[in-house]
């Protein structure tokens, strides 16, 4: 994982102008280094490499399949996974998968098609081509419509989540080696060694092979998002279209050279594309500009599958890992209207040199002596302290930034340890500082209920805790239960409450994945 984004203000108190300048330079450099995509190793099958052949994503839901393995679903962005057994407790060659909302489809090479309408809880075998095994090489979904293609066979469309199917033949009543397909609304694009498009669910077809490819080519991947399309050739180039495939533009993510493009997906302006035994690339402007991504490090991988839902992207390496690529949110600190005892309160304080609002004031020093630079409770008040903050208006707080107590790198055992976090919109609750009274407060879920002890050095030690919260509260409260063992005081050097700023939304939300042979 990449470093945390710097969410707190750069204008903390400094010893002199040189230090301020140096700190600002470092923060700007760090911001440049960490900005962009984070990578998560998802591990549906455990901490092992697998032959990831297909994946799909829609919101927080993810679907992924292993070639000669199992099928998996997640409902929380890939944090937790459930193995699914559409064909029973057996290993299958899961070749392609797709999803649109709760509707999922997964296909098996030399096998069958399976669909689900409840995020993978239940599955039904489908037989578009009859009760026979087929090389189902590709599928896609959009709403209740599903499409599926056979390598060495026919192409099929279903309007009702796979219940009924109709054969739709772009080139007439003949078999073809259909390798990849995608659907978005009424628009379909399907490829063998030529490219064909339909604007009426497959009733009528037009060849849309990019200009210059009069000979047969291995069109290995294709994806649709509204009027936008991306398509790529194994052993050649990658192209995008902004008019349903009428015109194509050659793109050069890996330079002006031929590559073995194997997977691609588009969702709004976001595009992801992978090369066999090479690199992974993403674009945030419909394929105009590209960035090489290295989820597995600076090494070549077999990027056989990828999917996108806006900037939430999934990529699977054949013989490697399944990764989530996403734009991490940035965070902005929210401060009280003024730094005073009117807006920041605590159950007790160690005199006027340790006001509660000293801990929320971004101009206070984070190093050196703690006097006038931190909050500390009263003498021998080392447990059961409330710490209340009034933000002046409702804010949806999503993260806590803190620096636990220290003074010149010592006295770190005074730092607060166990805590709970609360929100309220009731002024009377904010004013009540008795530890055991929670009237008017709602406890919020936090990623951890402890503050980490400050490192035993006289330096900054920023920590962050994420919050599960969708409600705008004006008042927030910490209930600090204890410290790290000091008998005399409990304290915190800095507390800032942060809102979350996410990236721009995708223009549309069409999810697709197709995998070639």
Protein backbone atom coordinates (compact mmCIF):
# COMPACT_ATOMS: atom_id res chain seq x y z
CA UNK A 1 0.00 0.00 0.00
CA UNK A 2 1.09 3.55 -0.66
CA UNK A 3 1.67 6.13 2.07
CA UNK A 4 -1.20 7.97 3.71
CA UNK A 5 -2.29 11.19 2.11
CA UNK A 6 -1.35 14.23 4.10
CA UNK A 7 -4.67 15.59 5.27
CA UNK A 8 -3.62 18.03 7.97
CA UNK A 9 -2.55 21.58 7.30
CA UNK A 10 0.99 22.40 6.32
CA UNK A 11 1.05 25.61 8.39
CA UNK A 12 1.81 24.07 11.78
CA UNK A 13 3.91 26.14 14.14
CA UNK A 14 7.60 26.07 13.25
CA UNK A 15 10.74 27.11 15.04
CA UNK A 16 11.81 29.39 12.20
CA UNK A 17 11.11 30.29 8.59
CA UNK A 18 13.71 27.85 7.26
CA UNK A 19 11.90 24.98 8.91
CA UNK A 20 8.54 26.17 7.57
CA UNK A 21 9.96 26.36 4.05
CA UNK A 22 11.60 22.95 4.28
CA UNK A 23 8.46 21.35 5.69
CA UNK A 24 6.29 22.82 2.96
CA UNK A 25 8.69 21.51 0.33
CA UNK A 26 8.65 18.04 1.87
CA UNK A 27 4.86 18.01 2.09
CA UNK A 28 4.54 19.11 -1.53
CA UNK A 29 6.99 16.43 -2.63
CA UNK A 30 5.22 13.77 -0.59
CA UNK A 31 1.89 14.83 -2.03
CA UNK A 32 3.33 14.41 -5.52
CA UNK A 33 4.66 10.98 -4.69
CA UNK A 34 1.52 9.56 -3.12
CA UNK A 35 -1.08 11.11 -5.40
CA UNK A 36 -2.72 8.62 -7.73
CA UNK A 37 -3.85 5.05 -7.42
CA UNK A 38 -3.48 2.76 -4.48
CA UNK A 39 -3.25 -1.02 -4.93
CA UNK A 40 -4.84 -3.73 -2.81
CA UNK A 41 -3.94 -7.42 -3.07
CA UNK A 42 -7.44 -8.88 -2.78
CA UNK A 43 -6.67 -12.58 -2.11
CA UNK A 44 -10.04 -14.26 -2.75
CA UNK A 45 -8.34 -17.67 -2.76
CA UNK A 46 -5.93 -16.85 0.06
CA UNK A 47 -2.37 -15.60 0.10
CA UNK A 48 -1.37 -17.51 -3.02
CA UNK A 49 -0.83 -16.87 -6.71
CA UNK A 50 -3.69 -18.05 -8.94
CA UNK A 51 -4.54 -18.13 -12.62
CA UNK A 52 -6.99 -15.20 -12.56
CA UNK A 53 -8.85 -15.34 -15.85
CA UNK A 54 -11.86 -13.07 -15.38
CA UNK A 55 -13.19 -10.34 -13.11
CA UNK A 56 -16.02 -7.83 -12.94
CA UNK A 57 -16.92 -4.95 -10.61
CA UNK A 58 -20.05 -2.90 -9.91
CA UNK A 59 -19.92 -0.56 -6.94
CA UNK A 60 -18.75 -2.49 -3.88
CA UNK A 61 -19.45 -5.85 -5.53
CA UNK A 62 -16.71 -7.87 -7.23
CA UNK A 63 -16.82 -11.15 -9.16
CA UNK A 64 -13.68 -13.09 -10.08
CA UNK A 65 -12.86 -16.49 -11.55
CA UNK A 66 -9.81 -18.73 -11.71
CA UNK A 67 -8.84 -20.75 -14.77
CA UNK A 68 -8.86 -24.32 -13.45
CA UNK A 69 -10.10 -23.10 -10.10
CA UNK A 70 -13.07 -21.54 -8.35
CA UNK A 71 -15.41 -18.56 -8.61
CA UNK A 72 -15.56 -15.87 -5.93
CA UNK A 73 -17.72 -12.87 -5.01
CA UNK A 74 -17.25 -9.95 -2.64
CA UNK A 75 -19.74 -7.32 -1.48
CA UNK A 76 -17.23 -4.98 0.19
CA UNK A 77 -14.73 -3.99 -2.51
CA UNK A 78 -12.80 -7.22 -2.12
CA UNK A 79 -12.16 -7.09 1.62
CA UNK A 80 -14.06 -10.32 2.28
CA UNK A 81 -14.82 -13.10 -0.21
CA UNK A 82 -17.22 -16.01 -0.63
CA UNK A 83 -16.48 -18.99 -2.84
CA UNK A 84 -19.39 -19.73 -5.17
CA UNK A 85 -20.13 -23.14 -6.67
CA UNK A 86 -22.50 -22.69 -9.61
CA UNK A 87 -21.45 -26.07 -11.01
CA UNK A 88 -21.04 -27.77 -7.65
CA UNK A 89 -17.97 -28.36 -5.50
CA UNK A 90 -15.66 -28.84 -8.47
CA UNK A 91 -12.85 -26.99 -10.21
CA UNK A 92 -13.78 -25.37 -13.51
CA UNK A 93 -12.07 -23.41 -16.27
CA UNK A 94 -13.80 -20.10 -15.51
CA UNK A 95 -13.19 -18.21 -18.72
CA UNK A 96 -15.25 -15.03 -18.51
CA UNK A 97 -17.59 -13.22 -16.15
CA UNK A 98 -19.58 -10.02 -16.01
CA UNK A 99 -22.07 -8.23 -13.80
CA UNK A 100 -24.59 -5.39 -13.86
CA UNK A 101 -26.11 -4.58 -10.50
CA UNK A 102 -27.16 -7.83 -8.83
CA UNK A 103 -27.10 -9.72 -12.15
CA UNK A 104 -24.05 -11.89 -12.77
CA UNK A 105 -22.95 -14.24 -15.53
CA UNK A 106 -19.99 -16.61 -15.57
CA UNK A 107 -18.90 -18.98 -18.34
CA UNK A 108 -16.75 -22.08 -18.49
CA UNK A 109 -14.39 -23.11 -21.27
CA UNK A 110 -15.49 -26.57 -22.43
CA UNK A 111 -18.47 -26.24 -20.14
CA UNK A 112 -21.64 -24.30 -19.39
CA UNK A 113 -23.03 -20.83 -18.65
CA UNK A 114 -24.29 -19.83 -15.20
CA UNK A 115 -26.26 -16.77 -14.14
CA UNK A 116 -27.29 -15.20 -10.85
CA UNK A 117 -29.71 -12.38 -10.02
CA UNK A 118 -28.76 -12.00 -6.35
CA UNK A 119 -25.06 -11.07 -6.38
CA UNK A 120 -24.00 -14.70 -6.66
CA UNK A 121 -25.98 -16.20 -3.79
CA UNK A 122 -27.81 -18.55 -6.14
CA UNK A 123 -26.91 -19.72 -9.64
CA UNK A 124 -28.74 -21.33 -12.54
CA UNK A 125 -27.18 -23.25 -15.42
CA UNK A 126 -28.20 -21.83 -18.80
CA UNK A 127 -28.17 -23.65 -22.14
CA UNK A 128 -28.27 -21.15 -25.03
CA UNK A 129 -26.75 -23.74 -27.36
CA UNK A 130 -28.56 -26.73 -25.89
CA UNK A 131 -27.54 -29.32 -23.32
CA UNK A 132 -23.93 -29.51 -24.50
CA UNK A 133 -20.55 -28.20 -23.39
CA UNK A 134 -19.16 -25.28 -25.38
CA UNK A 135 -16.07 -23.10 -25.37
CA UNK A 136 -17.76 -20.06 -23.84
CA UNK A 137 -14.96 -17.56 -24.29
CA UNK A 138 -16.71 -14.30 -23.51
CA UNK A 139 -19.76 -12.74 -21.89
CA UNK A 140 -21.09 -9.35 -20.83
CA UNK A 141 -24.07 -7.85 -18.99
CA UNK A 142 -26.02 -4.58 -19.02
CA UNK A 143 -29.17 -4.36 -16.93
CA UNK A 144 -31.17 -7.54 -17.56
CA UNK A 145 -29.47 -8.13 -20.93
CA UNK A 146 -26.70 -10.69 -21.19
CA UNK A 147 -24.60 -11.81 -24.12
CA UNK A 148 -22.33 -14.82 -24.56
CA UNK A 149 -20.00 -15.98 -27.31
CA UNK A 150 -18.64 -19.38 -28.30
CA UNK A 151 -15.21 -19.84 -29.81
CA UNK A 152 -15.90 -22.08 -32.80
CA UNK A 153 -19.64 -21.57 -32.50
CA UNK A 154 -22.38 -18.96 -32.27
CA UNK A 155 -23.25 -15.70 -30.51
CA UNK A 156 -26.25 -15.38 -28.16
CA UNK A 157 -28.31 -12.61 -26.53
CA UNK A 158 -30.64 -12.87 -23.53
CA UNK A 159 -33.06 -10.06 -22.52
CA UNK A 160 -34.00 -11.55 -19.14
CA UNK A 161 -30.86 -12.40 -17.17
CA UNK A 162 -30.24 -15.63 -19.03
CA UNK A 163 -33.69 -17.21 -18.83
CA UNK A 164 -34.25 -17.06 -22.57
CA UNK A 165 -31.65 -16.80 -25.33
CA UNK A 166 -31.67 -16.00 -29.03
CA UNK A 167 -28.93 -16.72 -31.51
CA UNK A 168 -27.73 -13.48 -33.13
CA UNK A 169 -25.31 -13.97 -36.01
CA UNK A 170 -23.29 -10.95 -37.14
CA UNK A 171 -21.96 -12.76 -40.24
CA UNK A 172 -24.76 -15.15 -41.07
CA UNK A 173 -25.58 -18.74 -40.27
CA UNK A 174 -22.03 -19.93 -39.71
CA UNK A 175 -19.77 -20.69 -36.80
CA UNK A 176 -16.94 -18.32 -35.98
CA UNK A 177 -14.21 -17.99 -33.39
CA UNK A 178 -15.88 -15.33 -31.25
CA UNK A 179 -13.24 -14.17 -28.79
CA UNK A 180 -14.65 -11.15 -26.97
CA UNK A 181 -17.87 -9.17 -26.61
CA UNK A 182 -19.43 -6.30 -24.68
CA UNK A 183 -22.88 -4.81 -24.20
CA UNK A 184 -23.96 -1.37 -23.01
CA UNK A 185 -27.67 -0.68 -23.27
CA UNK A 186 -28.83 -1.60 -26.77
CA UNK A 187 -25.29 -1.41 -28.14
CA UNK A 188 -23.27 -4.59 -28.63
CA UNK A 189 -19.82 -5.14 -30.01
CA UNK A 190 -18.41 -8.60 -30.72
CA UNK A 191 -15.13 -9.70 -32.26
CA UNK A 192 -13.67 -12.71 -33.95
CA UNK A 193 -11.03 -11.72 -36.48
CA UNK A 194 -13.21 -8.78 -37.47
CA UNK A 195 -15.21 -6.33 -35.35
CA UNK A 196 -19.01 -6.12 -35.53
CA UNK A 197 -21.39 -3.70 -33.83
CA UNK A 198 -25.16 -3.58 -33.28
CA UNK A 199 -27.31 -0.72 -31.97
CA UNK A 200 -30.48 -2.79 -31.51
CA UNK A 201 -29.56 -5.68 -29.21
CA UNK A 202 -28.11 -7.74 -32.04
CA UNK A 203 -30.96 -7.58 -34.55
CA UNK A 204 -28.79 -5.84 -37.14
CA UNK A 205 -25.03 -5.68 -37.51
CA UNK A 206 -22.37 -3.42 -39.08
CA UNK A 207 -18.69 -4.25 -39.42
CA UNK A 208 -16.67 -1.78 -37.35
CA UNK A 209 -13.11 -3.04 -37.80
CA UNK A 210 -10.70 -0.10 -37.35
CA UNK A 211 -9.38 1.34 -40.61
CA UNK A 212 -6.32 -0.40 -41.98
CA UNK A 213 -7.13 -3.90 -40.76
CA UNK A 214 -8.40 -5.53 -43.93
CA UNK A 215 -6.78 -8.83 -42.94
CA UNK A 216 -7.86 -11.01 -40.07
CA UNK A 217 -6.57 -10.01 -36.62
CA UNK A 218 -6.90 -11.44 -33.13
CA UNK A 219 -9.16 -8.91 -31.44
CA UNK A 220 -8.66 -10.10 -27.89
CA UNK A 221 -10.62 -7.62 -25.77
CA UNK A 222 -13.37 -5.03 -26.10
CA UNK A 223 -15.47 -2.92 -23.75
CA UNK A 224 -18.36 -0.42 -24.03
CA UNK A 225 -19.35 2.49 -21.79
CA UNK A 226 -22.06 4.63 -23.35
CA UNK A 227 -20.80 5.86 -26.71
CA UNK A 228 -17.22 5.10 -25.74
CA UNK A 229 -15.40 1.90 -26.62
CA UNK A 230 -11.97 0.38 -26.23
CA UNK A 231 -10.65 -2.51 -28.28
CA UNK A 232 -7.26 -4.21 -28.62
CA UNK A 233 -5.39 -6.73 -30.75
CA UNK A 234 -3.07 -9.44 -29.52
CA UNK A 235 0.24 -8.66 -31.19
CA UNK A 236 -0.70 -5.18 -32.34
CA UNK A 237 -2.40 -2.01 -31.03
CA UNK A 238 -5.17 -0.66 -28.81
CA UNK A 239 -7.92 1.68 -30.07
CA UNK A 240 -10.68 3.85 -28.62
CA UNK A 241 -13.88 5.20 -30.12
CA UNK A 242 -16.22 7.98 -28.97
CA UNK A 243 -19.01 7.28 -31.48
CA UNK A 244 -20.05 3.65 -30.95
CA UNK A 245 -17.22 2.33 -33.10
CA UNK A 246 -17.83 4.34 -36.28
CA UNK A 247 -14.36 5.87 -35.94
CA UNK A 248 -11.34 4.62 -34.04
CA UNK A 249 -8.19 6.28 -32.71
CA UNK A 250 -4.98 4.37 -32.16
CA UNK A 251 -3.60 4.78 -28.64
CA UNK A 252 -0.05 4.17 -27.46
CA UNK A 253 -0.03 3.42 -23.70
CA UNK A 254 3.19 1.41 -24.03
CA UNK A 255 4.68 3.55 -26.80
CA UNK A 256 4.29 3.32 -30.55
CA UNK A 257 4.97 -0.42 -30.65
CA UNK A 258 2.97 -3.60 -31.05
CA UNK A 259 2.04 -5.43 -27.86
CA UNK A 260 0.14 -8.57 -26.87
CA UNK A 261 -2.91 -6.74 -25.51
CA UNK A 262 -4.97 -9.24 -23.58
CA UNK A 263 -7.58 -7.40 -21.48
CA UNK A 264 -9.31 -4.04 -21.37
CA UNK A 265 -12.29 -2.27 -19.79
CA UNK A 266 -13.82 1.20 -19.90
CA UNK A 267 -16.23 2.97 -17.53
CA UNK A 268 -16.89 6.62 -18.20
CA UNK A 269 -13.57 8.34 -18.78
CA UNK A 270 -11.64 5.59 -17.01
CA UNK A 271 -9.87 2.90 -19.06
CA UNK A 272 -7.70 -0.01 -17.99
CA UNK A 273 -5.74 -2.32 -20.28
CA UNK A 274 -3.30 -5.17 -19.71
CA UNK A 275 -0.63 -6.88 -21.76
CA UNK A 276 0.38 -10.54 -21.64
CA UNK A 277 3.77 -10.89 -19.95
CA UNK A 278 4.14 -7.14 -19.79
CA UNK A 279 2.58 -4.14 -18.07
CA UNK A 280 -0.77 -2.68 -16.94
CA UNK A 281 -2.00 0.77 -17.96
CA UNK A 282 -4.83 3.11 -16.95
CA UNK A 283 -6.29 6.28 -18.41
CA UNK A 284 -8.58 8.89 -16.87
CA UNK A 285 -9.46 10.70 -20.11
CA UNK A 286 -10.98 8.08 -22.45
CA UNK A 287 -7.59 6.71 -23.45
CA UNK A 288 -5.91 9.94 -24.51
CA UNK A 289 -3.23 9.81 -21.81
CA UNK A 290 -2.01 6.72 -19.98
CA UNK A 291 -0.12 5.79 -16.83
CA UNK A 292 1.73 2.55 -16.24
CA UNK A 293 0.58 0.88 -13.03
CA UNK A 294 2.68 -1.54 -11.01
CA UNK A 295 0.45 -3.29 -8.45
CA UNK A 296 2.86 -6.24 -8.30
CA UNK A 297 5.99 -4.09 -8.50
CA UNK A 298 8.26 -3.24 -11.39
CA UNK A 299 7.82 -6.61 -13.09
CA UNK A 300 6.01 -8.02 -16.11
CA UNK A 301 2.81 -9.96 -15.44
CA UNK A 302 0.22 -11.81 -17.52
CA UNK A 303 -2.61 -9.28 -17.18
CA UNK A 304 -5.35 -11.55 -18.48
CA UNK A 305 -8.34 -9.84 -16.88
CA UNK A 306 -9.48 -6.38 -15.86
CA UNK A 307 -12.68 -4.52 -15.05
CA UNK A 308 -13.70 -0.96 -14.21
CA UNK A 309 -16.45 0.94 -12.45
CA UNK A 310 -15.26 4.51 -12.71
CA UNK A 311 -11.91 4.81 -10.95
CA UNK A 312 -12.59 1.59 -9.04
CA UNK A 313 -10.66 -0.94 -11.12
CA UNK A 314 -9.82 -4.62 -10.80
CA UNK A 315 -6.95 -6.40 -12.55
CA UNK A 316 -5.99 -10.06 -12.40
CA UNK A 317 -2.67 -11.62 -13.29
CA UNK A 318 -2.58 -15.15 -14.69
CA UNK A 319 -0.17 -16.85 -12.33
CA UNK A 320 -0.25 -13.91 -9.94
CA UNK A 321 -2.64 -11.91 -7.79
CA UNK A 322 -5.96 -10.12 -8.11
CA UNK A 323 -5.60 -6.41 -7.48
CA UNK A 324 -7.89 -3.50 -6.80
CA UNK A 325 -6.73 -0.18 -8.22
CA UNK A 326 -8.54 2.90 -6.98
CA UNK A 327 -8.13 6.60 -6.44
CA UNK A 328 -7.82 6.97 -2.67
CA UNK A 329 -9.86 9.81 -1.20
CA UNK A 330 -8.14 12.94 0.04
CA UNK A 331 -9.02 14.35 3.43
CA UNK A 332 -9.51 17.91 4.65
CA UNK A 333 -9.22 18.87 8.29
CA UNK A 334 -12.25 20.64 9.77
CA UNK A 335 -11.61 23.03 12.65
CA UNK A 336 -13.80 24.70 15.26
CA UNK A 337 -14.93 28.25 14.37
CA UNK A 338 -12.28 29.45 16.80
CA UNK A 339 -9.72 27.77 19.02
CA UNK A 340 -11.22 28.42 22.45
CA UNK A 341 -12.89 26.76 25.40
CA UNK A 342 -16.23 27.69 23.83
CA UNK A 343 -15.77 25.20 21.02
CA UNK A 344 -13.39 22.59 22.46
CA UNK A 345 -13.99 21.14 25.90
CA UNK A 346 -12.64 18.39 28.13
CA UNK A 347 -13.70 16.87 31.41
CA UNK A 348 -10.56 18.22 33.10
CA UNK A 349 -7.38 20.05 32.13
CA UNK A 350 -3.95 20.50 33.69
CA UNK A 351 -4.32 24.25 34.12
CA UNK A 352 -4.28 26.93 31.48
CA UNK A 353 -1.10 25.54 29.93
CA UNK A 354 -3.01 22.49 28.64
CA UNK A 355 -6.37 23.72 27.32
CA UNK A 356 -8.28 21.17 25.25
CA UNK A 357 -8.24 23.52 22.28
CA UNK A 358 -4.44 23.49 22.23
CA UNK A 359 -4.74 19.98 20.76
CA UNK A 360 -7.02 21.11 17.91
CA UNK A 361 -5.02 24.23 17.01
CA UNK A 362 -2.92 23.57 13.86
CA UNK A 363 -0.56 26.45 14.71
CA UNK A 364 0.72 24.68 17.81
CA UNK A 365 4.04 22.87 17.77
CA UNK A 366 4.13 19.11 17.37
CA UNK A 367 7.68 18.78 18.66
CA UNK A 368 9.48 20.14 21.67
CA UNK A 369 7.91 20.93 25.01
CA UNK A 370 4.24 20.04 25.50
CA UNK A 371 3.33 23.11 27.58
CA UNK A 372 0.96 25.38 25.63
CA UNK A 373 1.11 22.89 22.76
CA UNK A 374 -1.14 20.02 23.88
CA UNK A 375 -4.12 18.96 25.97
CA UNK A 376 -3.60 17.13 29.23
CA UNK A 377 -6.20 16.22 31.83
CA UNK A 378 -6.08 17.35 35.43
CA UNK A 379 -3.59 16.13 38.03
CA UNK A 380 -3.83 12.36 38.40
CA UNK A 381 -6.80 12.30 36.00
CA UNK A 382 -5.41 9.48 33.89
CA UNK A 383 -8.72 7.85 32.94
CA UNK A 384 -12.33 8.52 31.91
CA UNK A 385 -11.93 11.86 30.16
CA UNK A 386 -14.35 13.33 27.64
CA UNK A 387 -13.00 15.53 24.82
CA UNK A 388 -15.67 17.45 22.84
CA UNK A 389 -15.32 19.43 19.62
CA UNK A 390 -17.89 21.85 18.13
CA UNK A 391 -17.32 22.30 14.38
CA UNK A 392 -19.86 25.11 14.12
CA UNK A 393 -22.00 23.24 11.57
CA UNK A 394 -22.70 19.68 10.52
CA UNK A 395 -19.77 17.85 8.92
CA UNK A 396 -19.50 14.20 7.81
CA UNK A 397 -16.27 13.25 9.52
CA UNK A 398 -14.56 10.26 7.90
CA UNK A 399 -11.09 10.23 9.45
CA UNK A 400 -9.22 11.19 12.62
CA UNK A 401 -5.71 12.59 12.38
CA UNK A 402 -3.86 12.56 15.69
CA UNK A 403 -0.45 12.85 17.28
CA UNK A 404 -0.41 11.26 20.71
CA UNK A 405 1.10 12.90 23.74
CA UNK A 406 4.82 13.47 24.20
CA UNK A 407 7.08 16.22 25.44
CA UNK A 408 10.47 16.38 23.72
CA UNK A 409 10.06 12.71 22.88
CA UNK A 410 9.48 11.55 26.46
CA UNK A 411 6.37 11.12 28.67
CA UNK A 412 4.73 9.09 25.91
CA UNK A 413 2.97 6.86 28.48
CA UNK A 414 0.70 9.83 29.19
CA UNK A 415 -0.80 9.40 25.71
CA UNK A 416 -4.46 8.37 25.49
CA UNK A 417 -4.99 4.72 24.61
CA UNK A 418 -8.51 3.22 24.52
CA UNK A 419 -11.34 5.40 23.29
CA UNK A 420 -14.78 5.51 21.70
CA UNK A 421 -15.94 8.14 19.21
CA UNK A 422 -19.37 9.80 19.10
CA UNK A 423 -21.43 12.28 17.08
CA UNK A 424 -24.30 14.57 18.05
CA UNK A 425 -26.34 17.54 16.89
CA UNK A 426 -27.52 18.45 20.38
CA UNK A 427 -25.85 21.38 22.13
CA UNK A 428 -26.80 20.14 25.60
CA UNK A 429 -24.93 16.92 24.90
CA UNK A 430 -21.85 18.87 23.85
CA UNK A 431 -21.94 20.85 27.09
CA UNK A 432 -22.28 17.78 29.33
CA UNK A 433 -18.79 16.55 30.27
CA UNK A 434 -19.58 13.82 32.80
CA UNK A 435 -17.91 10.69 31.42
CA UNK A 436 -20.79 8.26 31.93
CA UNK A 437 -23.55 10.42 30.39
CA UNK A 438 -24.07 9.70 26.67
CA UNK A 439 -27.52 11.26 26.22
CA UNK A 440 -27.94 12.67 22.71
CA UNK A 441 -24.80 11.01 21.37
CA UNK A 442 -24.46 8.31 18.69
CA UNK A 443 -21.42 6.05 18.87
CA UNK A 444 -19.60 5.77 15.55
CA UNK A 445 -17.64 2.81 14.23
CA UNK A 446 -13.90 3.43 13.90
CA UNK A 447 -11.18 1.31 12.32
CA UNK A 448 -9.49 0.95 15.71
CA UNK A 449 -10.51 1.99 19.23
CA UNK A 450 -7.01 2.82 20.40
CA UNK A 451 -4.61 5.69 19.85
CA UNK A 452 -1.10 4.43 19.15
CA UNK A 453 1.57 5.49 21.60
CA UNK A 454 3.82 8.26 20.28
CA UNK A 455 7.27 7.14 19.16
CA UNK A 456 9.85 7.89 21.86
CA UNK A 457 11.55 10.57 19.77
CA UNK A 458 11.12 14.32 19.54
CA UNK A 459 9.53 14.30 16.10
CA UNK A 460 6.14 14.29 14.46
CA UNK A 461 4.35 10.93 14.49
CA UNK A 462 1.10 11.34 12.48
CA UNK A 463 -1.55 8.63 12.79
CA UNK A 464 -4.91 8.21 11.08
CA UNK A 465 -8.08 6.32 11.98
CA UNK A 466 -10.93 5.94 9.49
CA UNK A 467 -14.55 6.31 10.56
CA UNK A 468 -17.68 4.64 9.21
CA UNK A 469 -20.03 7.61 9.08
CA UNK A 470 -22.59 9.07 6.66
CA UNK A 471 -24.22 11.64 8.98
CA UNK A 472 -23.27 15.29 9.30
CA UNK A 473 -22.78 16.03 13.00
CA UNK A 474 -21.88 19.40 14.45
CA UNK A 475 -20.52 17.98 17.69
CA UNK A 476 -18.03 15.13 18.07
CA UNK A 477 -16.79 13.49 21.24
CA UNK A 478 -13.90 11.27 22.29
CA UNK A 479 -14.31 9.22 25.43
CA UNK A 480 -10.76 8.39 26.51
CA UNK A 481 -10.82 5.46 28.93
CA UNK A 482 -7.15 5.32 29.90
CA UNK A 483 -3.57 6.09 28.92
CA UNK A 484 -0.41 4.05 28.35
CA UNK A 485 0.39 3.69 32.04
CA UNK A 486 1.39 7.08 33.40
CA UNK A 487 -0.06 7.66 36.88
CA UNK A 488 -0.33 11.43 36.76
CA UNK A 489 -1.82 12.71 33.47
CA UNK A 490 -3.57 11.76 30.25
CA UNK A 491 -3.12 13.82 27.11
CA UNK A 492 -3.03 14.22 23.34
CA UNK A 493 -0.74 16.44 21.30
CA UNK A 494 -2.98 16.93 18.26
CA UNK A 495 -6.49 15.96 17.14
CA UNK A 496 -8.00 16.96 13.80
CA UNK A 497 -11.31 15.73 12.38
CA UNK A 498 -11.29 15.23 8.63
CA UNK A 499 -13.89 15.09 5.89
CA UNK A 500 -13.37 13.04 2.76
CA UNK A 501 -13.07 14.29 -0.79
CA UNK A 502 -13.45 11.58 -3.42
CA UNK A 503 -12.48 11.76 -7.08
CA UNK A 504 -14.85 12.70 -9.90
CA UNK A 505 -17.63 10.19 -10.58
CA UNK A 506 -17.67 8.12 -13.74
CA UNK A 507 -19.97 9.40 -16.46
CA UNK A 508 -21.76 6.07 -16.70
CA UNK A 509 -21.74 2.82 -14.78
CA UNK A 510 -21.54 0.02 -17.31
CA UNK A 511 -19.52 -2.94 -16.14
CA UNK A 512 -17.87 -5.37 -18.54
CA UNK A 513 -15.25 -8.01 -18.79
CA UNK A 514 -14.41 -10.34 -21.61
CA UNK A 515 -11.47 -12.67 -21.88
CA UNK A 516 -9.96 -14.23 -25.02
CA UNK A 517 -8.44 -17.63 -25.49
